[in-house]
């Protein structure tokens, strides 16, 4: 027997009193961004590729069950086989485990540099935009001075002074990279500082630090995510380029750039020593760039349907 539904029951099942009105669930900005990101097949493929790459970076040396520092003079420069999946180098060391150890260091360096860039850039740009006036003018002049020096020249000079080690490389790559993030944050916060919720917080006596940290910076998260996704592959490629040219890491430190640099001298006779680390580098950089492109489209408010 049919019965008439009450208003509460209609609301529960999503039926409107007006048959012409189509109701749909309310979707948050971040959930909508995730839905739009999933529709980008290339970005999803890049995300799965990156997850697989990170899996091998973490567990690759364990899977191969070989010591990446162990010298085996009887198996020098051997081609890929069932034991050494990527072959061995000039000292008989297993390339499979060495490549994943090197990729691990390259990724860690890129992540640390990106975090430093975001922290310094957010703090600097937030202070510039919030206080404005003379503070903004002076701090902007400092940015212009920093950007007037060629970043590659500054990096090389710092590496010469500090040395070819991880700490020196971190300082060299981060010394000028934060200015781009600072400009992004400054531009966004200058648009938001006149908002009503910011003025209300000022009327309630909130400190500038609290307003910047609680009200302004959270509204720049989407821009910072995009900046992070573009910075990580840049750092990976910069580290590899410096090491390839012999100006990056040195000694017994292993990175993708160091392995590629070692392999280039033997590429004519043992091409796999350069081929495999170069392929891993390309996959990592390409995956981050494709994910960044997908996030840019997904986080764009103009794409909201």
C-alpha atoms as a PDB file:
ATOM      1  CA  UNK A   1       0.000   0.000   0.000  1.00  0.00           C
ATOM      2  CA  UNK A   2       1.410   3.334  -1.012  1.00  0.00           C
ATOM      3  CA  UNK A   3       1.673   6.080   1.556  1.00  0.00           C
ATOM      4  CA  UNK A   4       2.599   9.741   1.467  1.00  0.00           C
ATOM      5  CA  UNK A   5       6.163  10.459   2.547  1.00  0.00           C
ATOM      6  CA  UNK A   6       6.726  13.076   5.219  1.00  0.00           C
ATOM      7  CA  UNK A   7       9.030  16.074   4.657  1.00  0.00           C
ATOM      8  CA  UNK A   8      11.739  14.426   6.785  1.00  0.00           C
ATOM      9  CA  UNK A   9      11.566  11.225   4.737  1.00  0.00           C
ATOM     10  CA  UNK A  10      11.710  13.167   1.479  1.00  0.00           C
ATOM     11  CA  UNK A  11      14.779  15.037   2.665  1.00  0.00           C
ATOM     12  CA  UNK A  12      16.383  11.747   3.714  1.00  0.00           C
ATOM     13  CA  UNK A  13      15.975  10.119   0.300  1.00  0.00           C
ATOM     14  CA  UNK A  14      16.809  13.320  -1.598  1.00  0.00           C
ATOM     15  CA  UNK A  15      13.350  13.985  -3.042  1.00  0.00           C
ATOM     16  CA  UNK A  16      12.416  17.633  -3.468  1.00  0.00           C
ATOM     17  CA  UNK A  17       8.883  18.983  -3.043  1.00  0.00           C
ATOM     18  CA  UNK A  18       9.333  20.622  -6.416  1.00  0.00           C
ATOM     19  CA  UNK A  19       9.690  17.895  -9.046  1.00  0.00           C
ATOM     20  CA  UNK A  20      11.556  20.272 -11.360  1.00  0.00           C
ATOM     21  CA  UNK A  21      14.349  20.902  -8.828  1.00  0.00           C
ATOM     22  CA  UNK A  22      17.348  18.568  -9.094  1.00  0.00           C
ATOM     23  CA  UNK A  23      19.198  18.103  -5.838  1.00  0.00           C
ATOM     24  CA  UNK A  24      22.809  16.913  -5.535  1.00  0.00           C
ATOM     25  CA  UNK A  25      25.142  16.440  -2.583  1.00  0.00           C
ATOM     26  CA  UNK A  26      27.331  19.346  -1.534  1.00  0.00           C
ATOM     27  CA  UNK A  27      30.953  18.648  -2.466  1.00  0.00           C
ATOM     28  CA  UNK A  28      33.800  20.439  -0.717  1.00  0.00           C
ATOM     29  CA  UNK A  29      36.513  22.210  -2.661  1.00  0.00           C
ATOM     30  CA  UNK A  30      39.150  19.570  -1.885  1.00  0.00           C
ATOM     31  CA  UNK A  31      36.852  16.632  -2.651  1.00  0.00           C
ATOM     32  CA  UNK A  32      35.909  18.270  -5.943  1.00  0.00           C
ATOM     33  CA  UNK A  33      39.587  18.776  -6.721  1.00  0.00           C
ATOM     34  CA  UNK A  34      40.266  15.092  -6.063  1.00  0.00           C
ATOM     35  CA  UNK A  35      37.377  14.083  -8.335  1.00  0.00           C
ATOM     36  CA  UNK A  36      38.707  16.301 -11.120  1.00  0.00           C
ATOM     37  CA  UNK A  37      42.226  14.973 -10.581  1.00  0.00           C
ATOM     38  CA  UNK A  38      41.016  11.364 -10.909  1.00  0.00           C
ATOM     39  CA  UNK A  39      39.459  12.227 -14.260  1.00  0.00           C
ATOM     40  CA  UNK A  40      42.936  13.080 -15.579  1.00  0.00           C
ATOM     41  CA  UNK A  41      44.159   9.646 -16.681  1.00  0.00           C
ATOM     42  CA  UNK A  42      47.697  10.828 -17.409  1.00  0.00           C
ATOM     43  CA  UNK A  43      48.054  12.354 -13.941  1.00  0.00           C
ATOM     44  CA  UNK A  44      46.698   9.190 -12.298  1.00  0.00           C
ATOM     45  CA  UNK A  45      49.142   7.071 -14.307  1.00  0.00           C
ATOM     46  CA  UNK A  46      51.974   9.375 -13.198  1.00  0.00           C
ATOM     47  CA  UNK A  47      50.801   9.066  -9.578  1.00  0.00           C
ATOM     48  CA  UNK A  48      50.840   5.257  -9.747  1.00  0.00           C
ATOM     49  CA  UNK A  49      54.265   5.375 -11.397  1.00  0.00           C
ATOM     50  CA  UNK A  50      55.564   7.608  -8.612  1.00  0.00           C
ATOM     51  CA  UNK A  51      54.140   5.313  -5.933  1.00  0.00           C
ATOM     52  CA  UNK A  52      55.848   2.330  -7.594  1.00  0.00           C
ATOM     53  CA  UNK A  53      59.087   4.312  -7.824  1.00  0.00           C
ATOM     54  CA  UNK A  54      58.929   5.223  -4.125  1.00  0.00           C
ATOM     55  CA  UNK A  55      58.270   1.560  -3.285  1.00  0.00           C
ATOM     56  CA  UNK A  56      61.490   0.503  -5.026  1.00  0.00           C
ATOM     57  CA  UNK A  57      63.396   3.430  -3.493  1.00  0.00           C
ATOM     58  CA  UNK A  58      62.429   2.150  -0.051  1.00  0.00           C
ATOM     59  CA  UNK A  59      62.521  -1.609  -0.576  1.00  0.00           C
ATOM     60  CA  UNK A  60      64.661  -2.024  -3.719  1.00  0.00           C
ATOM     61  CA  UNK A  61      67.959  -2.754  -1.917  1.00  0.00           C
ATOM     62  CA  UNK A  62      66.147  -5.275   0.303  1.00  0.00           C
ATOM     63  CA  UNK A  63      64.502  -6.990  -2.683  1.00  0.00           C
ATOM     64  CA  UNK A  64      67.817  -7.465  -4.490  1.00  0.00           C
ATOM     65  CA  UNK A  65      69.386  -8.889  -1.310  1.00  0.00           C
ATOM     66  CA  UNK A  66      72.825  -7.560  -2.290  1.00  0.00           C
ATOM     67  CA  UNK A  67      75.216  -5.174  -0.579  1.00  0.00           C
ATOM     68  CA  UNK A  68      75.528  -2.036  -2.708  1.00  0.00           C
ATOM     69  CA  UNK A  69      79.037  -1.351  -1.321  1.00  0.00           C
ATOM     70  CA  UNK A  70      80.421  -4.881  -1.689  1.00  0.00           C
ATOM     71  CA  UNK A  71      83.218  -5.131  -4.261  1.00  0.00           C
ATOM     72  CA  UNK A  72      83.282  -8.258  -6.433  1.00  0.00           C
ATOM     73  CA  UNK A  73      86.324  -8.178  -8.702  1.00  0.00           C
ATOM     74  CA  UNK A  74      85.252 -11.376 -10.469  1.00  0.00           C
ATOM     75  CA  UNK A  75      81.995  -9.784 -11.718  1.00  0.00           C
ATOM     76  CA  UNK A  76      83.087  -6.363 -12.913  1.00  0.00           C
ATOM     77  CA  UNK A  77      81.100  -4.624 -15.665  1.00  0.00           C
ATOM     78  CA  UNK A  78      78.772  -7.573 -16.229  1.00  0.00           C
ATOM     79  CA  UNK A  79      75.544  -7.050 -18.168  1.00  0.00           C
ATOM     80  CA  UNK A  80      72.078  -7.416 -16.571  1.00  0.00           C
ATOM     81  CA  UNK A  81      71.356 -10.997 -15.503  1.00  0.00           C
ATOM     82  CA  UNK A  82      69.275 -12.982 -13.038  1.00  0.00           C
ATOM     83  CA  UNK A  83      71.548 -12.054 -10.126  1.00  0.00           C
ATOM     84  CA  UNK A  84      72.474  -8.455 -10.966  1.00  0.00           C
ATOM     85  CA  UNK A  85      69.248  -7.201 -12.529  1.00  0.00           C
ATOM     86  CA  UNK A  86      70.799  -3.932 -13.730  1.00  0.00           C
ATOM     87  CA  UNK A  87      74.297  -5.331 -14.150  1.00  0.00           C
ATOM     88  CA  UNK A  88      77.356  -4.271 -12.170  1.00  0.00           C
ATOM     89  CA  UNK A  89      79.820  -1.378 -12.236  1.00  0.00           C
ATOM     90  CA  UNK A  90      83.589  -1.270 -12.723  1.00  0.00           C
ATOM     91  CA  UNK A  91      84.168  -2.649  -9.200  1.00  0.00           C
ATOM     92  CA  UNK A  92      81.576  -5.411  -9.442  1.00  0.00           C
ATOM     93  CA  UNK A  93      79.034  -3.659  -7.219  1.00  0.00           C
ATOM     94  CA  UNK A  94      75.352  -4.375  -7.893  1.00  0.00           C
ATOM     95  CA  UNK A  95      73.807  -1.525  -9.889  1.00  0.00           C
ATOM     96  CA  UNK A  96      70.201  -2.346  -8.979  1.00  0.00           C
ATOM     97  CA  UNK A  97      70.690  -1.655  -5.288  1.00  0.00           C
ATOM     98  CA  UNK A  98      73.046   1.284  -5.923  1.00  0.00           C
ATOM     99  CA  UNK A  99      70.530   3.005  -8.202  1.00  0.00           C
ATOM    100  CA  UNK A 100      67.748   2.822  -5.604  1.00  0.00           C
ATOM    101  CA  UNK A 101      70.087   4.032  -2.855  1.00  0.00           C
ATOM    102  CA  UNK A 102      71.099   6.927  -5.120  1.00  0.00           C
ATOM    103  CA  UNK A 103      67.476   7.697  -6.009  1.00  0.00           C
ATOM    104  CA  UNK A 104      66.652   7.720  -2.301  1.00  0.00           C
ATOM    105  CA  UNK A 105      69.275  10.377  -1.619  1.00  0.00           C
ATOM    106  CA  UNK A 106      68.212  12.452  -4.636  1.00  0.00           C
ATOM    107  CA  UNK A 107      64.579  12.382  -3.499  1.00  0.00           C
ATOM    108  CA  UNK A 108      65.458  13.235   0.099  1.00  0.00           C
ATOM    109  CA  UNK A 109      67.552  16.199  -1.050  1.00  0.00           C
ATOM    110  CA  UNK A 110      64.691  17.416  -3.265  1.00  0.00           C
ATOM    111  CA  UNK A 111      62.129  17.081  -0.457  1.00  0.00           C
ATOM    112  CA  UNK A 112      64.304  18.843   2.123  1.00  0.00           C
ATOM    113  CA  UNK A 113      65.095  21.686  -0.280  1.00  0.00           C
ATOM    114  CA  UNK A 114      61.414  22.049  -1.162  1.00  0.00           C
ATOM    115  CA  UNK A 115      60.411  22.190   2.513  1.00  0.00           C
ATOM    116  CA  UNK A 116      63.038  24.826   3.240  1.00  0.00           C
ATOM    117  CA  UNK A 117      61.881  26.790   0.198  1.00  0.00           C
ATOM    118  CA  UNK A 118      58.255  26.701   1.347  1.00  0.00           C
ATOM    119  CA  UNK A 119      59.015  27.614   4.962  1.00  0.00           C
ATOM    120  CA  UNK A 120      61.295  30.540   4.133  1.00  0.00           C
ATOM    121  CA  UNK A 121      59.169  31.708   1.205  1.00  0.00           C
ATOM    122  CA  UNK A 122      55.914  31.579   3.194  1.00  0.00           C
ATOM    123  CA  UNK A 123      57.373  33.443   6.167  1.00  0.00           C
ATOM    124  CA  UNK A 124      59.073  36.082   4.027  1.00  0.00           C
ATOM    125  CA  UNK A 125      56.170  36.589   1.631  1.00  0.00           C
ATOM    126  CA  UNK A 126      53.589  36.631   4.433  1.00  0.00           C
ATOM    127  CA  UNK A 127      55.437  39.351   6.353  1.00  0.00           C
ATOM    128  CA  UNK A 128      55.878  41.425   3.181  1.00  0.00           C
ATOM    129  CA  UNK A 129      52.223  41.279   2.223  1.00  0.00           C
ATOM    130  CA  UNK A 130      50.708  41.747   5.675  1.00  0.00           C
ATOM    131  CA  UNK A 131      52.698  44.772   6.797  1.00  0.00           C
ATOM    132  CA  UNK A 132      53.103  46.362   3.349  1.00  0.00           C
ATOM    133  CA  UNK A 133      54.419  49.918   3.032  1.00  0.00           C
ATOM    134  CA  UNK A 134      58.094  50.425   3.820  1.00  0.00           C
ATOM    135  CA  UNK A 135      58.484  46.871   5.099  1.00  0.00           C
ATOM    136  CA  UNK A 136      57.248  45.477   1.797  1.00  0.00           C
ATOM    137  CA  UNK A 137      59.401  47.891  -0.192  1.00  0.00           C
ATOM    138  CA  UNK A 138      62.635  47.062   1.676  1.00  0.00           C
ATOM    139  CA  UNK A 139      62.033  43.304   1.602  1.00  0.00           C
ATOM    140  CA  UNK A 140      61.189  43.437  -2.104  1.00  0.00           C
ATOM    141  CA  UNK A 141      64.496  45.190  -2.786  1.00  0.00           C
ATOM    142  CA  UNK A 142      66.265  42.336  -0.990  1.00  0.00           C
ATOM    143  CA  UNK A 143      64.516  39.840  -3.277  1.00  0.00           C
ATOM    144  CA  UNK A 144      65.587  41.817  -6.326  1.00  0.00           C
ATOM    145  CA  UNK A 145      69.207  41.795  -5.106  1.00  0.00           C
ATOM    146  CA  UNK A 146      69.109  38.044  -4.506  1.00  0.00           C
ATOM    147  CA  UNK A 147      67.601  37.320  -7.918  1.00  0.00           C
ATOM    148  CA  UNK A 148      70.152  39.574  -9.661  1.00  0.00           C
ATOM    149  CA  UNK A 149      72.876  36.979  -9.022  1.00  0.00           C
ATOM    150  CA  UNK A 150      72.917  33.970 -11.388  1.00  0.00           C
ATOM    151  CA  UNK A 151      71.664  31.029  -9.330  1.00  0.00           C
ATOM    152  CA  UNK A 152      74.058  28.570 -10.980  1.00  0.00           C
ATOM    153  CA  UNK A 153      77.057  30.786 -10.203  1.00  0.00           C
ATOM    154  CA  UNK A 154      75.973  31.180  -6.578  1.00  0.00           C
ATOM    155  CA  UNK A 155      75.488  27.408  -6.290  1.00  0.00           C
ATOM    156  CA  UNK A 156      78.944  26.663  -7.680  1.00  0.00           C
ATOM    157  CA  UNK A 157      80.633  29.216  -5.415  1.00  0.00           C
ATOM    158  CA  UNK A 158      78.956  27.799  -2.322  1.00  0.00           C
ATOM    159  CA  UNK A 159      79.899  24.237  -3.302  1.00  0.00           C
ATOM    160  CA  UNK A 160      83.516  25.345  -3.720  1.00  0.00           C
ATOM    161  CA  UNK A 161      83.545  26.951  -0.264  1.00  0.00           C
ATOM    162  CA  UNK A 162      81.525  24.402   1.721  1.00  0.00           C
ATOM    163  CA  UNK A 163      82.627  21.299  -0.150  1.00  0.00           C
ATOM    164  CA  UNK A 164      81.034  18.559  -2.217  1.00  0.00           C
ATOM    165  CA  UNK A 165      78.762  17.154   0.465  1.00  0.00           C
ATOM    166  CA  UNK A 166      75.034  16.931   1.153  1.00  0.00           C
ATOM    167  CA  UNK A 167      74.964  19.897   3.551  1.00  0.00           C
ATOM    168  CA  UNK A 168      76.778  22.125   1.079  1.00  0.00           C
ATOM    169  CA  UNK A 169      74.444  21.061  -1.729  1.00  0.00           C
ATOM    170  CA  UNK A 170      71.359  21.832   0.384  1.00  0.00           C
ATOM    171  CA  UNK A 171      72.647  25.313   1.216  1.00  0.00           C
ATOM    172  CA  UNK A 172      73.688  25.971  -2.374  1.00  0.00           C
ATOM    173  CA  UNK A 173      70.327  24.991  -3.893  1.00  0.00           C
ATOM    174  CA  UNK A 174      68.175  26.712  -1.247  1.00  0.00           C
ATOM    175  CA  UNK A 175      70.032  30.017  -1.034  1.00  0.00           C
ATOM    176  CA  UNK A 176      68.014  31.654  -3.822  1.00  0.00           C
ATOM    177  CA  UNK A 177      65.126  29.255  -4.524  1.00  0.00           C
ATOM    178  CA  UNK A 178      62.769  30.693  -1.873  1.00  0.00           C
ATOM    179  CA  UNK A 179      62.255  34.009  -3.699  1.00  0.00           C
ATOM    180  CA  UNK A 180      59.742  32.542  -6.152  1.00  0.00           C
ATOM    181  CA  UNK A 181      57.615  31.141  -3.329  1.00  0.00           C
ATOM    182  CA  UNK A 182      57.842  34.443  -1.454  1.00  0.00           C
ATOM    183  CA  UNK A 183      56.472  36.321  -4.461  1.00  0.00           C
ATOM    184  CA  UNK A 184      53.618  33.834  -4.890  1.00  0.00           C
ATOM    185  CA  UNK A 185      52.639  34.103  -1.222  1.00  0.00           C
ATOM    186  CA  UNK A 186      52.972  37.882  -1.253  1.00  0.00           C
ATOM    187  CA  UNK A 187      50.653  38.278  -4.227  1.00  0.00           C
ATOM    188  CA  UNK A 188      48.002  35.976  -2.785  1.00  0.00           C
ATOM    189  CA  UNK A 189      48.043  37.444   0.715  1.00  0.00           C
ATOM    190  CA  UNK A 190      47.863  41.009  -0.586  1.00  0.00           C
ATOM    191  CA  UNK A 191      44.532  40.031  -2.144  1.00  0.00           C
ATOM    192  CA  UNK A 192      43.308  38.418   1.079  1.00  0.00           C
ATOM    193  CA  UNK A 193      44.455  40.889   3.736  1.00  0.00           C
ATOM    194  CA  UNK A 194      41.490  43.204   3.089  1.00  0.00           C
ATOM    195  CA  UNK A 195      39.004  40.375   3.571  1.00  0.00           C
ATOM    196  CA  UNK A 196      36.313  40.756   6.214  1.00  0.00           C
ATOM    197  CA  UNK A 197      37.463  37.795   8.305  1.00  0.00           C
ATOM    198  CA  UNK A 198      40.982  39.274   8.474  1.00  0.00           C
ATOM    199  CA  UNK A 199      39.613  42.660   9.555  1.00  0.00           C
ATOM    200  CA  UNK A 200      37.413  40.943  12.148  1.00  0.00           C
ATOM    201  CA  UNK A 201      40.429  39.087  13.530  1.00  0.00           C
ATOM    202  CA  UNK A 202      42.319  42.387  13.758  1.00  0.00           C
ATOM    203  CA  UNK A 203      39.400  43.969  15.627  1.00  0.00           C
ATOM    204  CA  UNK A 204      39.476  41.101  18.122  1.00  0.00           C
ATOM    205  CA  UNK A 205      43.136  41.876  18.850  1.00  0.00           C
ATOM    206  CA  UNK A 206      44.821  38.922  17.149  1.00  0.00           C
ATOM    207  CA  UNK A 207      48.556  39.286  16.641  1.00  0.00           C
ATOM    208  CA  UNK A 208      49.956  39.643  13.103  1.00  0.00           C
ATOM    209  CA  UNK A 209      51.684  36.271  13.472  1.00  0.00           C
ATOM    210  CA  UNK A 210      48.387  34.548  14.334  1.00  0.00           C
ATOM    211  CA  UNK A 211      46.535  36.227  11.471  1.00  0.00           C
ATOM    212  CA  UNK A 212      49.205  35.254   8.941  1.00  0.00           C
ATOM    213  CA  UNK A 213      49.483  31.693  10.246  1.00  0.00           C
ATOM    214  CA  UNK A 214      45.801  30.948  10.878  1.00  0.00           C
ATOM    215  CA  UNK A 215      43.880  33.008   8.333  1.00  0.00           C
ATOM    216  CA  UNK A 216      46.118  33.981   5.413  1.00  0.00           C
ATOM    217  CA  UNK A 217      48.565  31.129   4.750  1.00  0.00           C
ATOM    218  CA  UNK A 218      45.862  28.379   4.769  1.00  0.00           C
ATOM    219  CA  UNK A 219      44.216  30.157   1.824  1.00  0.00           C
ATOM    220  CA  UNK A 220      47.409  29.787  -0.207  1.00  0.00           C
ATOM    221  CA  UNK A 221      47.634  26.000   0.219  1.00  0.00           C
ATOM    222  CA  UNK A 222      46.548  25.200  -3.335  1.00  0.00           C
ATOM    223  CA  UNK A 223      49.243  27.501  -4.754  1.00  0.00           C
ATOM    224  CA  UNK A 224      51.855  26.059  -2.410  1.00  0.00           C
ATOM    225  CA  UNK A 225      50.977  22.502  -3.445  1.00  0.00           C
ATOM    226  CA  UNK A 226      51.536  23.432  -7.076  1.00  0.00           C
ATOM    227  CA  UNK A 227      54.797  25.164  -6.172  1.00  0.00           C
ATOM    228  CA  UNK A 228      55.918  22.056  -4.271  1.00  0.00           C
ATOM    229  CA  UNK A 229      55.136  19.708  -7.177  1.00  0.00           C
ATOM    230  CA  UNK A 230      57.146  21.867  -9.572  1.00  0.00           C
ATOM    231  CA  UNK A 231      60.053  22.394  -7.155  1.00  0.00           C
ATOM    232  CA  UNK A 232      60.760  18.727  -6.379  1.00  0.00           C
ATOM    233  CA  UNK A 233      61.590  17.689  -9.983  1.00  0.00           C
ATOM    234  CA  UNK A 234      63.621  20.877 -10.417  1.00  0.00           C
ATOM    235  CA  UNK A 235      65.772  19.982  -7.403  1.00  0.00           C
ATOM    236  CA  UNK A 236      66.172  16.373  -8.556  1.00  0.00           C
ATOM    237  CA  UNK A 237      67.307  17.526 -11.979  1.00  0.00           C
ATOM    238  CA  UNK A 238      69.581  20.249 -10.558  1.00  0.00           C
ATOM    239  CA  UNK A 239      71.328  17.779  -8.254  1.00  0.00           C
ATOM    240  CA  UNK A 240      71.759  15.328 -11.113  1.00  0.00           C
ATOM    241  CA  UNK A 241      73.061  18.043 -13.437  1.00  0.00           C
ATOM    242  CA  UNK A 242      75.639  19.301 -10.925  1.00  0.00           C
ATOM    243  CA  UNK A 243      76.855  15.786 -10.140  1.00  0.00           C
ATOM    244  CA  UNK A 244      76.938  14.893 -13.844  1.00  0.00           C
ATOM    245  CA  UNK A 245      79.196  17.884 -14.486  1.00  0.00           C
ATOM    246  CA  UNK A 246      81.426  16.921 -11.570  1.00  0.00           C
ATOM    247  CA  UNK A 247      80.378  19.936  -9.488  1.00  0.00           C
ATOM    248  CA  UNK A 248      77.878  18.255  -7.177  1.00  0.00           C
ATOM    249  CA  UNK A 249      78.309  15.463  -4.666  1.00  0.00           C
ATOM    250  CA  UNK A 250      81.652  13.743  -4.391  1.00  0.00           C
ATOM    251  CA  UNK A 251      83.467  11.015  -2.513  1.00  0.00           C
ATOM    252  CA  UNK A 252      81.556   7.828  -1.706  1.00  0.00           C
ATOM    253  CA  UNK A 253      78.162   9.558  -1.778  1.00  0.00           C
ATOM    254  CA  UNK A 254      75.714   7.914  -4.190  1.00  0.00           C
ATOM    255  CA  UNK A 255      73.008   9.812  -6.060  1.00  0.00           C
ATOM    256  CA  UNK A 256      71.414   9.497  -9.473  1.00  0.00           C
ATOM    257  CA  UNK A 257      73.639  12.276 -10.798  1.00  0.00           C
ATOM    258  CA  UNK A 258      76.771  10.580  -9.473  1.00  0.00           C
ATOM    259  CA  UNK A 259      75.788   7.237 -11.041  1.00  0.00           C
ATOM    260  CA  UNK A 260      75.038   8.885 -14.389  1.00  0.00           C
ATOM    261  CA  UNK A 261      78.348  10.731 -14.234  1.00  0.00           C
ATOM    262  CA  UNK A 262      80.195   7.471 -13.530  1.00  0.00           C
ATOM    263  CA  UNK A 263      78.359   5.694 -16.338  1.00  0.00           C
ATOM    264  CA  UNK A 264      79.011   8.297 -19.011  1.00  0.00           C
ATOM    265  CA  UNK A 265      82.734   7.450 -19.124  1.00  0.00           C
ATOM    266  CA  UNK A 266      81.927   3.830 -19.994  1.00  0.00           C
ATOM    267  CA  UNK A 267      78.817   4.370 -22.076  1.00  0.00           C
ATOM    268  CA  UNK A 268      80.475   3.126 -25.288  1.00  0.00           C
ATOM    269  CA  UNK A 269      81.292  -0.299 -23.824  1.00  0.00           C
ATOM    270  CA  UNK A 270      78.864  -0.695 -20.918  1.00  0.00           C
ATOM    271  CA  UNK A 271      75.817   1.447 -21.778  1.00  0.00           C
ATOM    272  CA  UNK A 272      73.582  -0.048 -19.054  1.00  0.00           C
ATOM    273  CA  UNK A 273      75.669   1.700 -16.364  1.00  0.00           C
ATOM    274  CA  UNK A 274      74.353   5.039 -17.581  1.00  0.00           C
ATOM    275  CA  UNK A 275      71.047   3.904 -19.106  1.00  0.00           C
ATOM    276  CA  UNK A 276      69.315   2.597 -15.972  1.00  0.00           C
ATOM    277  CA  UNK A 277      69.992   5.562 -13.612  1.00  0.00           C
ATOM    278  CA  UNK A 278      69.087   7.942 -16.447  1.00  0.00           C
ATOM    279  CA  UNK A 279      65.752   6.163 -16.983  1.00  0.00           C
ATOM    280  CA  UNK A 280      64.925   6.336 -13.263  1.00  0.00           C
ATOM    281  CA  UNK A 281      65.763  10.056 -13.281  1.00  0.00           C
ATOM    282  CA  UNK A 282      63.502  10.686 -16.292  1.00  0.00           C
ATOM    283  CA  UNK A 283      60.617   8.713 -14.751  1.00  0.00           C
ATOM    284  CA  UNK A 284      60.871  10.606 -11.444  1.00  0.00           C
ATOM    285  CA  UNK A 285      61.042  14.063 -13.038  1.00  0.00           C
ATOM    286  CA  UNK A 286      58.300  13.286 -15.560  1.00  0.00           C
ATOM    287  CA  UNK A 287      55.986  11.815 -12.904  1.00  0.00           C
ATOM    288  CA  UNK A 288      56.250  14.880 -10.672  1.00  0.00           C
ATOM    289  CA  UNK A 289      55.712  17.234 -13.606  1.00  0.00           C
ATOM    290  CA  UNK A 290      52.616  15.345 -14.831  1.00  0.00           C
ATOM    291  CA  UNK A 291      51.179  15.234 -11.314  1.00  0.00           C
ATOM    292  CA  UNK A 292      51.805  18.965 -11.003  1.00  0.00           C
ATOM    293  CA  UNK A 293      49.963  19.609 -14.277  1.00  0.00           C
ATOM    294  CA  UNK A 294      47.055  17.494 -13.086  1.00  0.00           C
ATOM    295  CA  UNK A 295      46.891  19.297  -9.741  1.00  0.00           C
ATOM    296  CA  UNK A 296      47.028  22.675 -11.475  1.00  0.00           C
ATOM    297  CA  UNK A 297      43.921  21.825 -13.475  1.00  0.00           C
ATOM    298  CA  UNK A 298      42.159  20.164 -10.536  1.00  0.00           C
ATOM    299  CA  UNK A 299      42.774  23.029  -8.084  1.00  0.00           C
ATOM    300  CA  UNK A 300      41.793  25.749 -10.558  1.00  0.00           C
ATOM    301  CA  UNK A 301      38.473  27.228  -9.280  1.00  0.00           C
ATOM    302  CA  UNK A 302      37.484  27.981 -12.880  1.00  0.00           C
ATOM    303  CA  UNK A 303      37.221  24.234 -13.525  1.00  0.00           C
ATOM    304  CA  UNK A 304      34.578  23.698 -10.827  1.00  0.00           C
ATOM    305  CA  UNK A 305      31.402  22.282 -12.317  1.00  0.00           C
END
